[in-house]
Amino acid sequence: MARSTVVFAAVSLAGIAASVWLYLENRSLRSELAARPAPASELAKVTEPRPADPGIESSGRTSSSRPTSGAAPALPEDKTESRTERRARKQAEFSAMFGRGDGETEDEYRARIVPLIKAGLLIPRERAAQMLKEAEDKAHVTAEQSKKLDKTFDKIYDDVLDYTNKAISDGQLSPYERNYAGVLEYAGGLGGMLTDAQGQIGKVLSADQLKAMSDSGFDWAEYLGVQAPWENLKPPPPKQK
């Protein structure tokens, strides 16, 4: 149970931020690649002297129009970013992207963030749905049971979103600062909700079916964490000045 609780909490939090974080990471990598100096091999191609023209050498004449090789250009100074600086920069980027901008309304926030979340979770959700289908097939889950599970999931998602919205409004989860104590407290609450969710699922499926799905490699915590409709969360409050 402890492992499932940790997985559920981690995946749930990742579900909220995954698309935003991937966007920031990709943008950061593109910037770093653009600013990175050319490899030494490329510089060598530029500065390597051209072979002499045999015809010119034999006549003893040189061409004034042909560039002569000079000293290799100095490479830009390598300014390595420390872990502390990188963490501070990532936090600032995350806050700017995931927090409310000055004067930004809730509708404007949703229009900016929701497409990003949906895009980031599109592939993980497709994979999770496929894994559920395969696990249900191996456990011989009936169509009626599958419908009951969908209704159970809807109730679980409603509870998770209500709980998360309260954590955001109370500042327990905040895009503006690191609050490890708040995150751990939030994760602990999710653990209790997972225990209740497993009990509800156990009312639909038999013990043998649950075991068959588990033996297939399916993880309820992973599935629920990815499939939860995080895009329906309420926007965070504006940053206090």
C-alpha atoms as a PDB file:
ATOM      1  CA  MET A   1       0.000   0.000   0.000  1.00  0.00           C
ATOM      2  CA  ALA A   2       2.808   2.422   0.789  1.00  0.00           C
ATOM      3  CA  ARG A   3       4.274   2.025  -2.700  1.00  0.00           C
ATOM      4  CA  SER A   4       0.904   2.558  -4.377  1.00  0.00           C
ATOM      5  CA  THR A   5       0.260   5.648  -2.290  1.00  0.00           C
ATOM      6  CA  VAL A   6       3.559   7.189  -3.273  1.00  0.00           C
ATOM      7  CA  VAL A   7       3.012   6.355  -6.946  1.00  0.00           C
ATOM      8  CA  PHE A   8      -0.492   7.777  -6.907  1.00  0.00           C
ATOM      9  CA  ALA A   9       0.622  11.014  -5.276  1.00  0.00           C
ATOM     10  CA  ALA A  10       3.601  11.427  -7.582  1.00  0.00           C
ATOM     11  CA  VAL A  11       1.652  10.672 -10.756  1.00  0.00           C
ATOM     12  CA  SER A  12      -1.192  12.945  -9.728  1.00  0.00           C
ATOM     13  CA  LEU A  13       1.105  15.876  -9.158  1.00  0.00           C
ATOM     14  CA  ALA A  14       2.945  15.075 -12.359  1.00  0.00           C
ATOM     15  CA  GLY A  15      -0.368  15.040 -14.196  1.00  0.00           C
ATOM     16  CA  ILE A  16      -0.967  18.664 -13.288  1.00  0.00           C
ATOM     17  CA  ALA A  17       2.472  19.884 -14.272  1.00  0.00           C
ATOM     18  CA  ALA A  18       3.710  17.395 -16.862  1.00  0.00           C
ATOM     19  CA  SER A  19       2.778  19.299 -19.994  1.00  0.00           C
ATOM     20  CA  VAL A  20       3.953  22.636 -18.632  1.00  0.00           C
ATOM     21  CA  TRP A  21       7.240  21.180 -17.434  1.00  0.00           C
ATOM     22  CA  LEU A  22       7.904  19.383 -20.707  1.00  0.00           C
ATOM     23  CA  TYR A  23       7.221  22.611 -22.562  1.00  0.00           C
ATOM     24  CA  LEU A  24       9.702  24.500 -20.389  1.00  0.00           C
ATOM     25  CA  GLU A  25      12.315  21.757 -20.661  1.00  0.00           C
ATOM     26  CA  ASN A  26      12.035  21.633 -24.450  1.00  0.00           C
ATOM     27  CA  ARG A  27      12.203  25.404 -24.717  1.00  0.00           C
ATOM     28  CA  SER A  28      15.226  25.469 -22.421  1.00  0.00           C
ATOM     29  CA  LEU A  29      17.012  22.786 -24.433  1.00  0.00           C
ATOM     30  CA  ARG A  30      16.380  24.648 -27.667  1.00  0.00           C
ATOM     31  CA  SER A  31      17.827  27.817 -26.159  1.00  0.00           C
ATOM     32  CA  GLU A  32      20.878  25.984 -24.838  1.00  0.00           C
ATOM     33  CA  LEU A  33      21.527  24.340 -28.207  1.00  0.00           C
ATOM     34  CA  ALA A  34      21.200  27.664 -30.010  1.00  0.00           C
ATOM     35  CA  ALA A  35      23.672  29.316 -27.631  1.00  0.00           C
ATOM     36  CA  ARG A  36      26.147  26.410 -27.600  1.00  0.00           C
ATOM     37  CA  PRO A  37      29.413  27.102 -29.476  1.00  0.00           C
ATOM     38  CA  ALA A  38      30.115  25.111 -32.598  1.00  0.00           C
ATOM     39  CA  PRO A  39      32.045  21.846 -32.069  1.00  0.00           C
ATOM     40  CA  ALA A  40      35.806  21.986 -32.502  1.00  0.00           C
ATOM     41  CA  SER A  41      35.545  19.824 -35.611  1.00  0.00           C
ATOM     42  CA  GLU A  42      33.284  22.405 -37.255  1.00  0.00           C
ATOM     43  CA  LEU A  43      35.595  25.255 -36.285  1.00  0.00           C
ATOM     44  CA  ALA A  44      38.494  23.299 -37.744  1.00  0.00           C
ATOM     45  CA  LYS A  45      36.704  23.116 -41.081  1.00  0.00           C
ATOM     46  CA  VAL A  46      36.305  26.888 -41.077  1.00  0.00           C
ATOM     47  CA  THR A  47      39.860  27.743 -40.017  1.00  0.00           C
ATOM     48  CA  GLU A  48      41.710  24.944 -41.815  1.00  0.00           C
ATOM     49  CA  PRO A  49      43.937  26.410 -44.551  1.00  0.00           C
ATOM     50  CA  ARG A  50      42.915  25.534 -48.043  1.00  0.00           C
ATOM     51  CA  PRO A  51      45.318  23.394 -50.066  1.00  0.00           C
ATOM     52  CA  ALA A  52      47.534  25.372 -52.379  1.00  0.00           C
ATOM     53  CA  ASP A  53      46.646  25.556 -56.029  1.00  0.00           C
ATOM     54  CA  PRO A  54      49.338  23.543 -57.852  1.00  0.00           C
ATOM     55  CA  GLY A  55      49.052  25.742 -60.892  1.00  0.00           C
ATOM     56  CA  ILE A  56      49.727  28.905 -58.924  1.00  0.00           C
ATOM     57  CA  GLU A  57      52.588  27.322 -56.958  1.00  0.00           C
ATOM     58  CA  SER A  58      54.324  26.215 -60.122  1.00  0.00           C
ATOM     59  CA  SER A  59      54.202  29.731 -61.524  1.00  0.00           C
ATOM     60  CA  GLY A  60      55.451  31.267 -58.278  1.00  0.00           C
ATOM     61  CA  ARG A  61      52.487  33.595 -58.065  1.00  0.00           C
ATOM     62  CA  THR A  62      49.885  33.926 -55.257  1.00  0.00           C
ATOM     63  CA  SER A  63      46.319  35.114 -55.441  1.00  0.00           C
ATOM     64  CA  SER A  64      45.541  38.218 -53.401  1.00  0.00           C
ATOM     65  CA  SER A  65      41.839  37.350 -53.502  1.00  0.00           C
ATOM     66  CA  ARG A  66      42.282  34.036 -51.635  1.00  0.00           C
ATOM     67  CA  PRO A  67      41.815  34.423 -47.857  1.00  0.00           C
ATOM     68  CA  THR A  68      44.737  33.398 -45.698  1.00  0.00           C
ATOM     69  CA  SER A  69      44.252  31.435 -42.513  1.00  0.00           C
ATOM     70  CA  GLY A  70      44.622  33.349 -39.281  1.00  0.00           C
ATOM     71  CA  ALA A  71      44.301  32.613 -35.595  1.00  0.00           C
ATOM     72  CA  ALA A  72      41.283  30.491 -34.652  1.00  0.00           C
ATOM     73  CA  PRO A  73      38.406  32.564 -33.229  1.00  0.00           C
ATOM     74  CA  ALA A  74      38.166  32.538 -29.456  1.00  0.00           C
ATOM     75  CA  LEU A  75      35.395  30.341 -28.065  1.00  0.00           C
ATOM     76  CA  PRO A  76      32.770  31.982 -25.863  1.00  0.00           C
ATOM     77  CA  GLU A  77      33.415  31.622 -22.160  1.00  0.00           C
ATOM     78  CA  ASP A  78      31.655  28.551 -20.804  1.00  0.00           C
ATOM     79  CA  LYS A  79      29.376  29.748 -18.008  1.00  0.00           C
ATOM     80  CA  THR A  80      28.176  26.606 -16.307  1.00  0.00           C
ATOM     81  CA  GLU A  81      24.899  27.049 -14.444  1.00  0.00           C
ATOM     82  CA  SER A  82      24.976  25.729 -10.904  1.00  0.00           C
ATOM     83  CA  ARG A  83      22.252  23.428  -9.619  1.00  0.00           C
ATOM     84  CA  THR A  84      20.991  26.172  -7.330  1.00  0.00           C
ATOM     85  CA  GLU A  85      20.830  28.682 -10.170  1.00  0.00           C
ATOM     86  CA  ARG A  86      19.141  26.164 -12.441  1.00  0.00           C
ATOM     87  CA  ARG A  87      16.556  25.331  -9.758  1.00  0.00           C
ATOM     88  CA  ALA A  88      15.817  29.013  -9.183  1.00  0.00           C
ATOM     89  CA  ARG A  89      15.465  29.613 -12.913  1.00  0.00           C
ATOM     90  CA  LYS A  90      13.157  26.628 -13.360  1.00  0.00           C
ATOM     91  CA  GLN A  91      11.016  27.769 -10.451  1.00  0.00           C
ATOM     92  CA  ALA A  92      10.754  31.256 -11.965  1.00  0.00           C
ATOM     93  CA  GLU A  93       9.821  29.801 -15.353  1.00  0.00           C
ATOM     94  CA  PHE A  94       7.283  27.460 -13.786  1.00  0.00           C
ATOM     95  CA  SER A  95       5.736  30.310 -11.799  1.00  0.00           C
ATOM     96  CA  ALA A  96       5.525  32.512 -14.869  1.00  0.00           C
ATOM     97  CA  MET A  97       3.852  29.768 -16.877  1.00  0.00           C
ATOM     98  CA  PHE A  98       1.659  28.082 -14.277  1.00  0.00           C
ATOM     99  CA  GLY A  99       0.805  31.075 -12.076  1.00  0.00           C
ATOM    100  CA  ARG A 100      -1.706  33.829 -12.805  1.00  0.00           C
ATOM    101  CA  GLY A 101      -0.315  36.818 -14.622  1.00  0.00           C
ATOM    102  CA  ASP A 102      -0.969  40.397 -13.530  1.00  0.00           C
ATOM    103  CA  GLY A 103      -4.602  41.158 -14.319  1.00  0.00           C
ATOM    104  CA  GLU A 104      -5.124  37.744 -15.913  1.00  0.00           C
ATOM    105  CA  THR A 105      -8.700  36.520 -15.537  1.00  0.00           C
ATOM    106  CA  GLU A 106      -9.691  32.925 -14.840  1.00  0.00           C
ATOM    107  CA  ASP A 107     -10.997  32.537 -18.395  1.00  0.00           C
ATOM    108  CA  GLU A 108      -7.751  33.886 -19.838  1.00  0.00           C
ATOM    109  CA  TYR A 109      -5.760  31.544 -17.620  1.00  0.00           C
ATOM    110  CA  ARG A 110      -7.784  28.530 -18.746  1.00  0.00           C
ATOM    111  CA  ALA A 111      -7.407  29.497 -22.403  1.00  0.00           C
ATOM    112  CA  ARG A 112      -3.640  29.580 -21.933  1.00  0.00           C
ATOM    113  CA  ILE A 113      -3.100  26.493 -19.760  1.00  0.00           C
ATOM    114  CA  VAL A 114      -5.808  23.946 -20.617  1.00  0.00           C
ATOM    115  CA  PRO A 115      -4.588  23.216 -24.195  1.00  0.00           C
ATOM    116  CA  LEU A 116      -1.094  22.733 -22.819  1.00  0.00           C
ATOM    117  CA  ILE A 117      -2.249  20.224 -20.200  1.00  0.00           C
ATOM    118  CA  LYS A 118      -4.358  18.287 -22.681  1.00  0.00           C
ATOM    119  CA  ALA A 119      -1.512  18.086 -25.157  1.00  0.00           C
ATOM    120  CA  GLY A 120       0.958  16.975 -22.512  1.00  0.00           C
ATOM    121  CA  LEU A 121      -1.317  14.217 -21.199  1.00  0.00           C
ATOM    122  CA  LEU A 122      -2.637  13.014 -24.545  1.00  0.00           C
ATOM    123  CA  ILE A 123      -0.154  10.178 -25.080  1.00  0.00           C
ATOM    124  CA  PRO A 124       0.032   9.048 -21.408  1.00  0.00           C
ATOM    125  CA  ARG A 125      -3.768   8.859 -21.311  1.00  0.00           C
ATOM    126  CA  GLU A 126      -3.919   6.819 -24.500  1.00  0.00           C
ATOM    127  CA  ARG A 127      -1.349   4.395 -23.100  1.00  0.00           C
ATOM    128  CA  ALA A 128      -3.176   4.137 -19.773  1.00  0.00           C
ATOM    129  CA  ALA A 129      -6.478   3.413 -21.530  1.00  0.00           C
ATOM    130  CA  GLN A 130      -4.836   0.688 -23.604  1.00  0.00           C
ATOM    131  CA  MET A 131      -3.265  -0.860 -20.495  1.00  0.00           C
ATOM    132  CA  LEU A 132      -6.659  -0.889 -18.756  1.00  0.00           C
ATOM    133  CA  LYS A 133      -8.284  -2.602 -21.730  1.00  0.00           C
ATOM    134  CA  GLU A 134      -5.579  -5.278 -21.852  1.00  0.00           C
ATOM    135  CA  ALA A 135      -5.798  -5.834 -18.094  1.00  0.00           C
ATOM    136  CA  GLU A 136      -9.596  -6.088 -18.223  1.00  0.00           C
ATOM    137  CA  ASP A 137      -9.340  -8.664 -21.002  1.00  0.00           C
ATOM    138  CA  LYS A 138      -6.966 -10.785 -18.967  1.00  0.00           C
ATOM    139  CA  ALA A 139      -9.236 -10.516 -15.906  1.00  0.00           C
ATOM    140  CA  HIS A 140     -12.347 -11.272 -17.997  1.00  0.00           C
ATOM    141  CA  VAL A 141     -14.056  -8.052 -16.901  1.00  0.00           C
ATOM    142  CA  THR A 142     -17.578  -7.927 -18.317  1.00  0.00           C
ATOM    143  CA  ALA A 143     -19.090  -4.984 -20.193  1.00  0.00           C
ATOM    144  CA  GLU A 144     -21.412  -4.326 -17.258  1.00  0.00           C
ATOM    145  CA  GLN A 145     -18.510  -4.278 -14.825  1.00  0.00           C
ATOM    146  CA  SER A 146     -16.600  -1.926 -17.095  1.00  0.00           C
ATOM    147  CA  LYS A 147     -19.512   0.549 -17.079  1.00  0.00           C
ATOM    148  CA  LYS A 148     -19.678   0.374 -13.291  1.00  0.00           C
ATOM    149  CA  LEU A 149     -15.958   1.077 -13.119  1.00  0.00           C
ATOM    150  CA  ASP A 150     -16.395   4.186 -15.286  1.00  0.00           C
ATOM    151  CA  LYS A 151     -19.007   5.527 -12.860  1.00  0.00           C
ATOM    152  CA  THR A 152     -16.721   4.719  -9.946  1.00  0.00           C
ATOM    153  CA  PHE A 153     -13.866   6.563 -11.630  1.00  0.00           C
ATOM    154  CA  ASP A 154     -16.031   9.647 -12.156  1.00  0.00           C
ATOM    155  CA  LYS A 155     -16.770   9.796  -8.422  1.00  0.00           C
ATOM    156  CA  ILE A 156     -13.095   9.347  -7.578  1.00  0.00           C
ATOM    157  CA  TYR A 157     -12.080  12.112  -9.993  1.00  0.00           C
ATOM    158  CA  ASP A 158     -14.637  14.510  -8.508  1.00  0.00           C
ATOM    159  CA  ASP A 159     -13.253  13.873  -5.026  1.00  0.00           C
ATOM    160  CA  VAL A 160      -9.642  14.295  -6.167  1.00  0.00           C
ATOM    161  CA  LEU A 161     -10.361  17.565  -7.981  1.00  0.00           C
ATOM    162  CA  ASP A 162     -12.300  18.992  -5.038  1.00  0.00           C
ATOM    163  CA  TYR A 163      -9.443  18.060  -2.724  1.00  0.00           C
ATOM    164  CA  THR A 164      -6.820  19.533  -5.079  1.00  0.00           C
ATOM    165  CA  ASN A 165      -8.785  22.748  -5.654  1.00  0.00           C
ATOM    166  CA  LYS A 166      -8.927  23.294  -1.892  1.00  0.00           C
ATOM    167  CA  ALA A 167      -5.184  22.633  -1.589  1.00  0.00           C
ATOM    168  CA  ILE A 168      -4.500  25.223  -4.305  1.00  0.00           C
ATOM    169  CA  SER A 169      -6.833  27.861  -2.870  1.00  0.00           C
ATOM    170  CA  ASP A 170      -5.352  27.355   0.616  1.00  0.00           C
ATOM    171  CA  GLY A 171      -1.802  27.721  -0.682  1.00  0.00           C
ATOM    172  CA  GLN A 172      -0.892  24.143   0.172  1.00  0.00           C
ATOM    173  CA  LEU A 173      -0.026  23.696  -3.505  1.00  0.00           C
ATOM    174  CA  SER A 174       1.341  26.865  -5.055  1.00  0.00           C
ATOM    175  CA  PRO A 175       3.004  27.624  -8.392  1.00  0.00           C
ATOM    176  CA  TYR A 176       4.742  30.631  -6.825  1.00  0.00           C
ATOM    177  CA  GLU A 177       6.920  28.916  -4.222  1.00  0.00           C
ATOM    178  CA  ARG A 178       8.221  25.571  -3.023  1.00  0.00           C
ATOM    179  CA  ASN A 179       6.176  24.165  -0.187  1.00  0.00           C
ATOM    180  CA  TYR A 180       7.475  20.680   0.459  1.00  0.00           C
ATOM    181  CA  ALA A 181       5.530  20.321   3.689  1.00  0.00           C
ATOM    182  CA  GLY A 182       2.331  21.226   1.880  1.00  0.00           C
ATOM    183  CA  VAL A 183       3.065  18.800  -0.961  1.00  0.00           C
ATOM    184  CA  LEU A 184       3.713  15.957   1.490  1.00  0.00           C
ATOM    185  CA  GLU A 185       0.515  16.735   3.366  1.00  0.00           C
ATOM    186  CA  TYR A 186      -1.393  16.802   0.082  1.00  0.00           C
ATOM    187  CA  ALA A 187       0.161  13.484  -0.971  1.00  0.00           C
ATOM    188  CA  GLY A 188      -0.850  11.929   2.336  1.00  0.00           C
ATOM    189  CA  GLY A 189      -4.449  12.929   1.714  1.00  0.00           C
ATOM    190  CA  LEU A 190      -4.294  11.403  -1.741  1.00  0.00           C
ATOM    191  CA  GLY A 191      -3.076   8.186  -0.166  1.00  0.00           C
ATOM    192  CA  GLY A 192      -6.212   7.987   1.932  1.00  0.00           C
ATOM    193  CA  MET A 193      -8.335   8.670  -1.133  1.00  0.00           C
ATOM    194  CA  LEU A 194      -6.562   5.861  -2.989  1.00  0.00           C
ATOM    195  CA  THR A 195      -7.403   3.452  -0.184  1.00  0.00           C
ATOM    196  CA  ASP A 196     -11.056   4.433  -0.502  1.00  0.00           C
ATOM    197  CA  ALA A 197     -10.873   4.165  -4.307  1.00  0.00           C
ATOM    198  CA  GLN A 198      -9.507   0.652  -4.132  1.00  0.00           C
ATOM    199  CA  GLY A 199     -12.358  -0.276  -1.813  1.00  0.00           C
ATOM    200  CA  GLN A 200     -14.888   1.061  -4.323  1.00  0.00           C
ATOM    201  CA  ILE A 201     -13.218  -0.808  -7.167  1.00  0.00           C
ATOM    202  CA  GLY A 202     -13.274  -3.959  -5.044  1.00  0.00           C
ATOM    203  CA  LYS A 203     -17.060  -3.720  -4.917  1.00  0.00           C
ATOM    204  CA  VAL A 204     -17.181  -4.029  -8.703  1.00  0.00           C
ATOM    205  CA  LEU A 205     -14.459  -6.600  -9.365  1.00  0.00           C
ATOM    206  CA  SER A 206     -13.795  -9.884  -7.630  1.00  0.00           C
ATOM    207  CA  ALA A 207     -10.576 -10.592  -5.745  1.00  0.00           C
ATOM    208  CA  ASP A 208      -9.460 -12.921  -8.530  1.00  0.00           C
ATOM    209  CA  GLN A 209     -10.063 -10.238 -11.145  1.00  0.00           C
ATOM    210  CA  LEU A 210      -8.103  -7.667  -9.145  1.00  0.00           C
ATOM    211  CA  LYS A 211      -5.222 -10.105  -8.804  1.00  0.00           C
ATOM    212  CA  ALA A 212      -5.268 -10.924 -12.511  1.00  0.00           C
ATOM    213  CA  MET A 213      -5.084  -7.236 -13.398  1.00  0.00           C
ATOM    214  CA  SER A 214      -2.281  -6.644 -10.928  1.00  0.00           C
ATOM    215  CA  ASP A 215      -0.338  -9.647 -12.215  1.00  0.00           C
ATOM    216  CA  SER A 216      -0.607  -8.230 -15.730  1.00  0.00           C
ATOM    217  CA  GLY A 217       1.364  -5.176 -14.609  1.00  0.00           C
ATOM    218  CA  PHE A 218      -1.593  -2.807 -14.416  1.00  0.00           C
ATOM    219  CA  ASP A 219      -1.420  -0.151 -11.667  1.00  0.00           C
ATOM    220  CA  TRP A 220      -4.627   1.537 -10.518  1.00  0.00           C
ATOM    221  CA  ALA A 221      -2.699   4.441  -9.020  1.00  0.00           C
ATOM    222  CA  GLU A 222      -0.954   5.173 -12.307  1.00  0.00           C
ATOM    223  CA  TYR A 223      -4.167   4.934 -14.295  1.00  0.00           C
ATOM    224  CA  LEU A 224      -6.212   7.178 -11.999  1.00  0.00           C
ATOM    225  CA  GLY A 225      -3.409   9.711 -11.691  1.00  0.00           C
ATOM    226  CA  VAL A 226      -3.056  10.140 -15.457  1.00  0.00           C
ATOM    227  CA  GLN A 227      -6.741   9.971 -16.379  1.00  0.00           C
ATOM    228  CA  ALA A 228      -7.957  12.454 -13.763  1.00  0.00           C
ATOM    229  CA  PRO A 229      -9.299  15.570 -15.573  1.00  0.00           C
ATOM    230  CA  TRP A 230      -6.637  17.966 -14.293  1.00  0.00           C
ATOM    231  CA  GLU A 231      -7.597  20.475 -16.985  1.00  0.00           C
ATOM    232  CA  ASN A 232     -10.811  21.087 -15.011  1.00  0.00           C
ATOM    233  CA  LEU A 233      -8.982  22.381 -11.942  1.00  0.00           C
ATOM    234  CA  LYS A 234      -9.753  25.923 -10.875  1.00  0.00           C
ATOM    235  CA  PRO A 235      -7.035  28.485 -11.679  1.00  0.00           C
ATOM    236  CA  PRO A 236      -4.734  29.420  -8.796  1.00  0.00           C
ATOM    237  CA  PRO A 237      -5.298  32.756  -7.065  1.00  0.00           C
ATOM    238  CA  PRO A 238      -3.199  35.713  -8.258  1.00  0.00           C
ATOM    239  CA  LYS A 239       0.214  36.063  -6.659  1.00  0.00           C
ATOM    240  CA  GLN A 240       0.159  38.181  -3.526  1.00  0.00           C
ATOM    241  CA  LYS A 241       2.227  41.330  -3.857  1.00  0.00           C
END
